PDB file of N, CA and C in Angstrom:
ATOM      1  N   MET A   1      37.946 -35.643  50.297  1.00  0.00           N
ATOM      2  CA  MET A   1      36.833 -36.378  50.804  1.00  0.00           C
ATOM      3  C   MET A   1      36.729 -37.750  50.468  1.00  0.00           C
ATOM      4  N   LYS A   2      36.956 -37.926  49.087  1.00  0.00           N
ATOM      5  CA  LYS A   2      36.919 -39.527  48.580  1.00  0.00           C
ATOM      6  C   LYS A   2      37.576 -40.474  49.411  1.00  0.00           C
ATOM      7  N   ASP A   3      38.789 -39.897  50.034  1.00  0.00           N
ATOM      8  CA  ASP A   3      39.451 -40.927  50.883  1.00  0.00           C
ATOM      9  C   ASP A   3      38.850 -41.436  52.202  1.00  0.00           C
ATOM     10  N   ARG A   4      37.504 -40.836  52.467  1.00  0.00           N
ATOM     11  CA  ARG A   4      36.574 -41.284  53.611  1.00  0.00           C
ATOM     12  C   ARG A   4      35.889 -42.497  53.390  1.00  0.00           C
ATOM     13  N   TYR A   5      35.913 -42.926  52.119  1.00  0.00           N
ATOM     14  CA  TYR A   5      34.870 -43.890  51.527  1.00  0.00           C
ATOM     15  C   TYR A   5      35.612 -45.251  51.432  1.00  0.00           C
ATOM     16  N   PRO A   6      35.225 -46.183  51.879  1.00  0.00           N
ATOM     17  CA  PRO A   6      36.138 -47.464  51.763  1.00  0.00           C
ATOM     18  C   PRO A   6      36.154 -47.922  49.906  1.00  0.00           C
ATOM     19  N   LYS A   7      37.603 -48.390  50.146  1.00  0.00           N
ATOM     20  CA  LYS A   7      38.030 -48.829  48.584  1.00  0.00           C
ATOM     21  C   LYS A   7      37.920 -49.902  48.368  1.00  0.00           C
ATOM     22  N   ARG A   8      37.991 -50.870  49.632  1.00  0.00           N
ATOM     23  CA  ARG A   8      37.955 -52.753  49.194  1.00  0.00           C
ATOM     24  C   ARG A   8      37.048 -53.054  50.034  1.00  0.00           C
ATOM     25  N   ILE A   9      35.830 -53.405  49.498  1.00  0.00           N
ATOM     26  CA  ILE A   9      34.749 -53.908  50.012  1.00  0.00           C
ATOM     27  C   ILE A   9      34.761 -55.524  49.658  1.00  0.00           C
ATOM     28  N   VAL A  10      34.650 -56.308  50.979  1.00  0.00           N
ATOM     29  CA  VAL A  10      34.154 -57.618  50.912  1.00  0.00           C
ATOM     30  C   VAL A  10      32.465 -57.729  51.406  1.00  0.00           C
ATOM     31  N   CYS A  11      31.924 -58.295  50.186  1.00  0.00           N
ATOM     32  CA  CYS A  11      30.283 -58.449  50.508  1.00  0.00           C
ATOM     33  C   CYS A  11      30.336 -60.138  50.728  1.00  0.00           C
ATOM     34  N   LEU A  12      29.823 -60.255  52.150  1.00  0.00           N
ATOM     35  CA  LEU A  12      29.636 -61.504  52.394  1.00  0.00           C
ATOM     36  C   LEU A  12      28.113 -62.118  52.217  1.00  0.00           C
ATOM     37  N   THR A  13      27.141 -60.949  51.703  1.00  0.00           N
ATOM     38  CA  THR A  13      26.204 -61.835  51.230  1.00  0.00           C
ATOM     39  C   THR A  13      25.511 -60.926  49.552  1.00  0.00           C
ATOM     40  N   GLU A  14      24.806 -61.314  49.080  1.00  0.00           N
ATOM     41  CA  GLU A  14      24.789 -60.944  47.443  1.00  0.00           C
ATOM     42  C   GLU A  14      24.001 -59.598  47.200  1.00  0.00           C
ATOM     43  N   GLU A  15      23.532 -59.049  48.530  1.00  0.00           N
ATOM     44  CA  GLU A  15      22.549 -57.826  48.050  1.00  0.00           C
ATOM     45  C   GLU A  15      23.451 -56.348  48.111  1.00  0.00           C
ATOM     46  N   PRO A  16      24.648 -56.224  49.050  1.00  0.00           N
ATOM     47  CA  PRO A  16      25.588 -55.371  48.913  1.00  0.00           C
ATOM     48  C   PRO A  16      26.467 -55.374  47.232  1.00  0.00           C
ATOM     49  N   THR A  17      26.592 -56.640  47.163  1.00  0.00           N
ATOM     50  CA  THR A  17      27.421 -56.671  45.388  1.00  0.00           C
ATOM     51  C   THR A  17      26.440 -55.900  44.706  1.00  0.00           C
ATOM     52  N   GLU A  18      25.337 -56.321  44.390  1.00  0.00           N
ATOM     53  CA  GLU A  18      23.842 -55.798  43.716  1.00  0.00           C
ATOM     54  C   GLU A  18      23.846 -54.535  43.767  1.00  0.00           C
ATOM     55  N   THR A  19      23.784 -53.924  45.112  1.00  0.00           N
ATOM     56  CA  THR A  19      23.871 -52.680  45.077  1.00  0.00           C
ATOM     57  C   THR A  19      24.770 -51.655  44.599  1.00  0.00           C
ATOM     58  N   LEU A  20      26.006 -52.278  44.846  1.00  0.00           N
ATOM     59  CA  LEU A  20      27.275 -51.476  44.318  1.00  0.00           C
ATOM     60  C   LEU A  20      27.390 -51.523  42.857  1.00  0.00           C
ATOM     61  N   TYR A  21      27.009 -52.632  42.265  1.00  0.00           N
ATOM     62  CA  TYR A  21      26.812 -52.270  40.758  1.00  0.00           C
ATOM     63  C   TYR A  21      25.881 -51.549  40.400  1.00  0.00           C
ATOM     64  N   LEU A  22      24.864 -51.671  41.066  1.00  0.00           N
ATOM     65  CA  LEU A  22      23.702 -50.674  40.367  1.00  0.00           C
ATOM     66  C   LEU A  22      24.098 -49.484  40.498  1.00  0.00           C
ATOM     67  N   LEU A  23      25.027 -48.955  41.331  1.00  0.00           N
ATOM     68  CA  LEU A  23      25.451 -47.663  41.612  1.00  0.00           C
ATOM     69  C   LEU A  23      26.683 -47.231  41.017  1.00  0.00           C
ATOM     70  N   GLY A  24      27.358 -48.153  40.210  1.00  0.00           N
ATOM     71  CA  GLY A  24      28.410 -47.940  39.440  1.00  0.00           C
ATOM     72  C   GLY A  24      29.729 -48.059  40.295  1.00  0.00           C
ATOM     73  N   GLU A  25      29.639 -48.657  41.528  1.00  0.00           N
ATOM     74  CA  GLU A  25      30.894 -48.544  42.156  1.00  0.00           C
ATOM     75  C   GLU A  25      31.091 -49.851  42.493  1.00  0.00           C
ATOM     76  N   GLN A  26      31.253 -50.912  41.312  1.00  0.00           N
ATOM     77  CA  GLN A  26      31.703 -52.055  41.546  1.00  0.00           C
ATOM     78  C   GLN A  26      33.346 -52.610  41.366  1.00  0.00           C
ATOM     79  N   HIS A  27      33.935 -51.078  41.336  1.00  0.00           N
ATOM     80  CA  HIS A  27      35.242 -51.067  41.323  1.00  0.00           C
ATOM     81  C   HIS A  27      36.005 -51.219  42.745  1.00  0.00           C
ATOM     82  N   ARG A  28      35.178 -50.868  43.857  1.00  0.00           N
ATOM     83  CA  ARG A  28      35.183 -51.142  45.025  1.00  0.00           C
ATOM     84  C   ARG A  28      35.236 -52.236  45.958  1.00  0.00           C
ATOM     85  N   ILE A  29      34.548 -53.331  44.972  1.00  0.00           N
ATOM     86  CA  ILE A  29      34.082 -54.660  45.456  1.00  0.00           C
ATOM     87  C   ILE A  29      35.639 -55.677  45.310  1.00  0.00           C
ATOM     88  N   ALA A  30      35.972 -56.162  46.368  1.00  0.00           N
ATOM     89  CA  ALA A  30      37.097 -56.720  46.458  1.00  0.00           C
ATOM     90  C   ALA A  30      36.847 -58.393  46.627  1.00  0.00           C
ATOM     91  N   GLY A  31      35.856 -58.720  47.244  1.00  0.00           N
ATOM     92  CA  GLY A  31      35.401 -60.166  47.376  1.00  0.00           C
ATOM     93  C   GLY A  31      33.942 -60.174  47.135  1.00  0.00           C
ATOM     94  N   ILE A  32      33.573 -61.672  47.050  1.00  0.00           N
ATOM     95  CA  ILE A  32      31.872 -61.814  46.856  1.00  0.00           C
ATOM     96  C   ILE A  32      31.640 -63.033  47.417  1.00  0.00           C
ATOM     97  N   THR A  33      30.267 -63.487  47.864  1.00  0.00           N
ATOM     98  CA  THR A  33      29.917 -64.543  48.167  1.00  0.00           C
ATOM     99  C   THR A  33      29.484 -65.694  47.104  1.00  0.00           C
ATOM    100  N   THR A  34      29.538 -66.983  47.460  1.00  0.00           N
ATOM    101  CA  THR A  34      29.393 -67.969  46.461  1.00  0.00           C
ATOM    102  C   THR A  34      27.869 -67.732  45.732  1.00  0.00           C
ATOM    103  N   PHE A  35      26.948 -67.226  46.880  1.00  0.00           N
ATOM    104  CA  PHE A  35      25.172 -66.991  46.658  1.00  0.00           C
ATOM    105  C   PHE A  35      25.146 -65.814  45.743  1.00  0.00           C
ATOM    106  N   THR A  36      26.413 -65.123  45.444  1.00  0.00           N
ATOM    107  CA  THR A  36      25.976 -63.802  44.294  1.00  0.00           C
ATOM    108  C   THR A  36      25.353 -64.479  42.912  1.00  0.00           C
ATOM    109  N   VAL A  37      24.385 -64.004  42.419  1.00  0.00           N
ATOM    110  CA  VAL A  37      23.688 -64.153  41.176  1.00  0.00           C
ATOM    111  C   VAL A  37      23.240 -62.898  40.542  1.00  0.00           C
ATOM    112  N   ARG A  38      23.317 -61.965  40.989  1.00  0.00           N
ATOM    113  CA  ARG A  38      23.206 -60.621  40.144  1.00  0.00           C
ATOM    114  C   ARG A  38      24.121 -59.478  40.554  1.00  0.00           C
ATOM    115  N   PRO A  39      24.652 -59.056  40.052  1.00  0.00           N
ATOM    116  CA  PRO A  39      24.563 -59.155  38.435  1.00  0.00           C
ATOM    117  C   PRO A  39      25.739 -60.250  38.032  1.00  0.00           C
ATOM    118  N   SER A  40      25.474 -61.195  36.954  1.00  0.00           N
ATOM    119  CA  SER A  40      25.881 -62.014  36.595  1.00  0.00           C
ATOM    120  C   SER A  40      27.331 -61.846  35.993  1.00  0.00           C
ATOM    121  N   GLN A  41      28.072 -60.750  35.875  1.00  0.00           N
ATOM    122  CA  GLN A  41      29.210 -60.413  35.602  1.00  0.00           C
ATOM    123  C   GLN A  41      29.901 -60.313  36.874  1.00  0.00           C
ATOM    124  N   ALA A  42      29.638 -60.275  38.162  1.00  0.00           N
ATOM    125  CA  ALA A  42      30.090 -60.432  39.477  1.00  0.00           C
ATOM    126  C   ALA A  42      31.078 -61.536  39.356  1.00  0.00           C
ATOM    127  N   ARG A  43      30.251 -62.554  39.254  1.00  0.00           N
ATOM    128  CA  ARG A  43      30.730 -63.812  39.620  1.00  0.00           C
ATOM    129  C   ARG A  43      32.173 -64.090  38.486  1.00  0.00           C
ATOM    130  N   LYS A  44      32.414 -63.553  37.590  1.00  0.00           N
ATOM    131  CA  LYS A  44      33.361 -63.631  36.651  1.00  0.00           C
ATOM    132  C   LYS A  44      34.506 -62.809  37.170  1.00  0.00           C
ATOM    133  N   GLU A  45      34.041 -61.662  37.776  1.00  0.00           N
ATOM    134  CA  GLU A  45      35.162 -60.541  37.863  1.00  0.00           C
ATOM    135  C   GLU A  45      35.562 -60.457  39.138  1.00  0.00           C
ATOM    136  N   LYS A  46      34.638 -61.041  40.178  1.00  0.00           N
ATOM    137  CA  LYS A  46      35.408 -61.069  41.722  1.00  0.00           C
ATOM    138  C   LYS A  46      35.456 -62.195  42.254  1.00  0.00           C
ATOM    139  N   PRO A  47      36.745 -62.272  43.090  1.00  0.00           N
ATOM    140  CA  PRO A  47      36.799 -63.710  43.890  1.00  0.00           C
ATOM    141  C   PRO A  47      35.635 -64.113  45.069  1.00  0.00           C
ATOM    142  N   VAL A  48      35.583 -65.244  44.810  1.00  0.00           N
ATOM    143  CA  VAL A  48      34.296 -65.770  45.836  1.00  0.00           C
ATOM    144  C   VAL A  48      35.314 -66.181  47.275  1.00  0.00           C
ATOM    145  N   VAL A  49      34.834 -65.204  48.430  1.00  0.00           N
ATOM    146  CA  VAL A  49      35.605 -65.758  49.518  1.00  0.00           C
ATOM    147  C   VAL A  49      34.660 -66.445  50.599  1.00  0.00           C
ATOM    148  N   SER A  50      33.201 -66.323  50.038  1.00  0.00           N
ATOM    149  CA  SER A  50      32.588 -66.924  51.565  1.00  0.00           C
ATOM    150  C   SER A  50      31.006 -67.627  50.830  1.00  0.00           C
ATOM    151  N   ALA A  51      30.741 -68.544  51.942  1.00  0.00           N
ATOM    152  CA  ALA A  51      29.638 -69.078  51.620  1.00  0.00           C
ATOM    153  C   ALA A  51      28.675 -68.099  52.597  1.00  0.00           C
ATOM    154  N   PHE A  52      27.267 -68.361  52.930  1.00  0.00           N
ATOM    155  CA  PHE A  52      26.543 -67.901  53.747  1.00  0.00           C
ATOM    156  C   PHE A  52      27.110 -67.860  55.215  1.00  0.00           C
ATOM    157  N   THR A  53      27.505 -68.878  55.557  1.00  0.00           N
ATOM    158  CA  THR A  53      27.673 -69.180  57.061  1.00  0.00           C
ATOM    159  C   THR A  53      29.129 -69.563  57.008  1.00  0.00           C
ATOM    160  N   SER A  54      29.832 -69.542  56.170  1.00  0.00           N
ATOM    161  CA  SER A  54      31.143 -69.851  56.302  1.00  0.00           C
ATOM    162  C   SER A  54      32.200 -69.140  55.202  1.00  0.00           C
ATOM    163  N   ALA A  55      33.298 -68.776  55.745  1.00  0.00           N
ATOM    164  CA  ALA A  55      34.333 -68.040  54.933  1.00  0.00           C
ATOM    165  C   ALA A  55      35.594 -68.229  54.783  1.00  0.00           C
ATOM    166  N   ASN A  56      36.416 -68.326  53.868  1.00  0.00           N
ATOM    167  CA  ASN A  56      37.867 -68.299  53.779  1.00  0.00           C
ATOM    168  C   ASN A  56      38.567 -67.030  54.585  1.00  0.00           C
ATOM    169  N   ILE A  57      38.631 -67.041  55.603  1.00  0.00           N
ATOM    170  CA  ILE A  57      39.376 -66.051  56.493  1.00  0.00           C
ATOM    171  C   ILE A  57      40.646 -65.595  56.018  1.00  0.00           C
ATOM    172  N   ASP A  58      41.200 -66.252  55.606  1.00  0.00           N
ATOM    173  CA  ASP A  58      42.869 -66.146  55.180  1.00  0.00           C
ATOM    174  C   ASP A  58      42.485 -65.494  53.605  1.00  0.00           C
ATOM    175  N   LYS A  59      41.979 -65.736  52.914  1.00  0.00           N
ATOM    176  CA  LYS A  59      41.524 -65.173  51.613  1.00  0.00           C
ATOM    177  C   LYS A  59      40.913 -63.658  51.724  1.00  0.00           C
ATOM    178  N   ILE A  60      40.094 -63.653  52.848  1.00  0.00           N
ATOM    179  CA  ILE A  60      39.336 -62.469  52.973  1.00  0.00           C
ATOM    180  C   ILE A  60      40.457 -61.362  53.428  1.00  0.00           C
ATOM    181  N   LEU A  61      41.159 -61.716  54.049  1.00  0.00           N
ATOM    182  CA  LEU A  61      42.570 -60.970  54.792  1.00  0.00           C
ATOM    183  C   LEU A  61      43.600 -60.638  53.500  1.00  0.00           C
ATOM    184  N   GLU A  62      43.513 -61.632  52.552  1.00  0.00           N
ATOM    185  CA  GLU A  62      44.616 -61.441  51.621  1.00  0.00           C
ATOM    186  C   GLU A  62      44.246 -60.482  50.552  1.00  0.00           C
ATOM    187  N   LEU A  63      43.077 -59.936  50.672  1.00  0.00           N
ATOM    188  CA  LEU A  63      42.376 -59.007  49.918  1.00  0.00           C
ATOM    189  C   LEU A  63      42.537 -57.677  50.649  1.00  0.00           C
ATOM    190  N   LYS A  64      42.765 -57.887  51.599  1.00  0.00           N
ATOM    191  CA  LYS A  64      43.193 -56.361  52.466  1.00  0.00           C
ATOM    192  C   LYS A  64      42.021 -55.284  52.349  1.00  0.00           C
ATOM    193  N   PRO A  65      40.806 -55.761  52.879  1.00  0.00           N
ATOM    194  CA  PRO A  65      39.363 -55.073  52.650  1.00  0.00           C
ATOM    195  C   PRO A  65      39.380 -53.748  54.004  1.00  0.00           C
ATOM    196  N   ASP A  66      38.901 -52.757  53.315  1.00  0.00           N
ATOM    197  CA  ASP A  66      38.861 -51.888  54.793  1.00  0.00           C
ATOM    198  C   ASP A  66      37.307 -51.871  55.069  1.00  0.00           C
ATOM    199  N   LEU A  67      36.585 -52.609  54.491  1.00  0.00           N
ATOM    200  CA  LEU A  67      35.011 -52.971  54.943  1.00  0.00           C
ATOM    201  C   LEU A  67      34.582 -54.360  54.391  1.00  0.00           C
ATOM    202  N   VAL A  68      34.022 -54.757  55.384  1.00  0.00           N
ATOM    203  CA  VAL A  68      33.418 -56.285  55.123  1.00  0.00           C
ATOM    204  C   VAL A  68      31.914 -56.329  55.560  1.00  0.00           C
ATOM    205  N   VAL A  69      31.102 -56.478  54.474  1.00  0.00           N
ATOM    206  CA  VAL A  69      29.556 -56.071  54.894  1.00  0.00           C
ATOM    207  C   VAL A  69      28.921 -57.588  55.161  1.00  0.00           C
ATOM    208  N   GLY A  70      28.363 -57.745  56.408  1.00  0.00           N
ATOM    209  CA  GLY A  70      27.585 -59.008  56.471  1.00  0.00           C
ATOM    210  C   GLY A  70      26.237 -58.801  56.795  1.00  0.00           C
ATOM    211  N   PHE A  71      25.681 -59.870  57.294  1.00  0.00           N
ATOM    212  CA  PHE A  71      24.302 -60.140  57.471  1.00  0.00           C
ATOM    213  C   PHE A  71      23.975 -60.840  58.876  1.00  0.00           C
ATOM    214  N   SER A  72      23.386 -59.852  59.641  1.00  0.00           N
ATOM    215  CA  SER A  72      23.137 -59.993  61.201  1.00  0.00           C
ATOM    216  C   SER A  72      24.063 -61.017  61.984  1.00  0.00           C
ATOM    217  N   ASP A  73      23.259 -61.534  62.997  1.00  0.00           N
ATOM    218  CA  ASP A  73      23.941 -62.456  63.901  1.00  0.00           C
ATOM    219  C   ASP A  73      24.179 -63.848  63.146  1.00  0.00           C
ATOM    220  N   ILE A  74      23.865 -64.405  62.005  1.00  0.00           N
ATOM    221  CA  ILE A  74      23.847 -65.505  61.351  1.00  0.00           C
ATOM    222  C   ILE A  74      25.144 -65.679  60.956  1.00  0.00           C
ATOM    223  N   GLN A  75      25.982 -64.341  60.772  1.00  0.00           N
ATOM    224  CA  GLN A  75      27.407 -64.503  60.188  1.00  0.00           C
ATOM    225  C   GLN A  75      28.046 -63.892  61.178  1.00  0.00           C
ATOM    226  N   ALA A  76      27.743 -64.109  62.505  1.00  0.00           N
ATOM    227  CA  ALA A  76      28.592 -63.479  63.800  1.00  0.00           C
ATOM    228  C   ALA A  76      29.969 -64.437  63.926  1.00  0.00           C
ATOM    229  N   GLU A  77      30.023 -65.632  63.661  1.00  0.00           N
ATOM    230  CA  GLU A  77      31.384 -66.137  63.725  1.00  0.00           C
ATOM    231  C   GLU A  77      32.370 -65.848  62.696  1.00  0.00           C
ATOM    232  N   ILE A  78      31.773 -65.619  61.512  1.00  0.00           N
ATOM    233  CA  ILE A  78      32.831 -64.931  60.453  1.00  0.00           C
ATOM    234  C   ILE A  78      33.335 -63.339  60.938  1.00  0.00           C
ATOM    235  N   ALA A  79      32.430 -62.867  61.619  1.00  0.00           N
ATOM    236  CA  ALA A  79      32.771 -61.212  62.002  1.00  0.00           C
ATOM    237  C   ALA A  79      33.893 -61.485  63.121  1.00  0.00           C
ATOM    238  N   ALA A  80      33.576 -62.448  64.333  1.00  0.00           N
ATOM    239  CA  ALA A  80      34.105 -62.413  65.218  1.00  0.00           C
ATOM    240  C   ALA A  80      35.884 -63.063  64.747  1.00  0.00           C
ATOM    241  N   ALA A  81      35.792 -63.990  63.815  1.00  0.00           N
ATOM    242  CA  ALA A  81      37.204 -64.377  63.257  1.00  0.00           C
ATOM    243  C   ALA A  81      37.665 -63.138  62.468  1.00  0.00           C
ATOM    244  N   LEU A  82      37.099 -62.422  61.958  1.00  0.00           N
ATOM    245  CA  LEU A  82      37.713 -61.351  61.221  1.00  0.00           C
ATOM    246  C   LEU A  82      38.473 -59.941  62.346  1.00  0.00           C
ATOM    247  N   ILE A  83      37.583 -60.039  63.217  1.00  0.00           N
ATOM    248  CA  ILE A  83      37.718 -59.185  64.231  1.00  0.00           C
ATOM    249  C   ILE A  83      39.109 -59.540  65.189  1.00  0.00           C
ATOM    250  N   LYS A  84      39.049 -61.139  65.604  1.00  0.00           N
ATOM    251  CA  LYS A  84      40.387 -61.646  66.129  1.00  0.00           C
ATOM    252  C   LYS A  84      41.660 -61.302  65.226  1.00  0.00           C
ATOM    253  N   GLN A  85      41.533 -61.188  64.013  1.00  0.00           N
ATOM    254  CA  GLN A  85      42.739 -60.888  63.270  1.00  0.00           C
ATOM    255  C   GLN A  85      42.838 -59.572  62.883  1.00  0.00           C
ATOM    256  N   GLY A  86      42.209 -58.488  63.288  1.00  0.00           N
ATOM    257  CA  GLY A  86      42.220 -57.364  63.393  1.00  0.00           C
ATOM    258  C   GLY A  86      41.753 -56.529  62.162  1.00  0.00           C
TER     259      GLY A  86
END
C-alpha cells in the first residue's frame, strides 16, 4: 500500500512544504520554492527549483518527481511545461 503514495514531491509553493514537515513526511520532498520560509531547515535541506511564477524545468525533471504541487492558474505555464515534458 505504501507504494501508492508519492515518494518524490516538488513543492512549487511554501504551504505543501510546511505541511509535509508538520506531518513528518519531509523525506518525500525533492524540491522547494525560493519563497519557502517555514520551516527554516527546509531551505538548508532541499534544493530550490522555482520562484512563484517561474521554475527551472530541467532542474525539476532531474529530481524525477512523481508529484509536483502547484497553485491554481497562476502557475499554469509551469504546469504546461512539465506536462509537455511528460
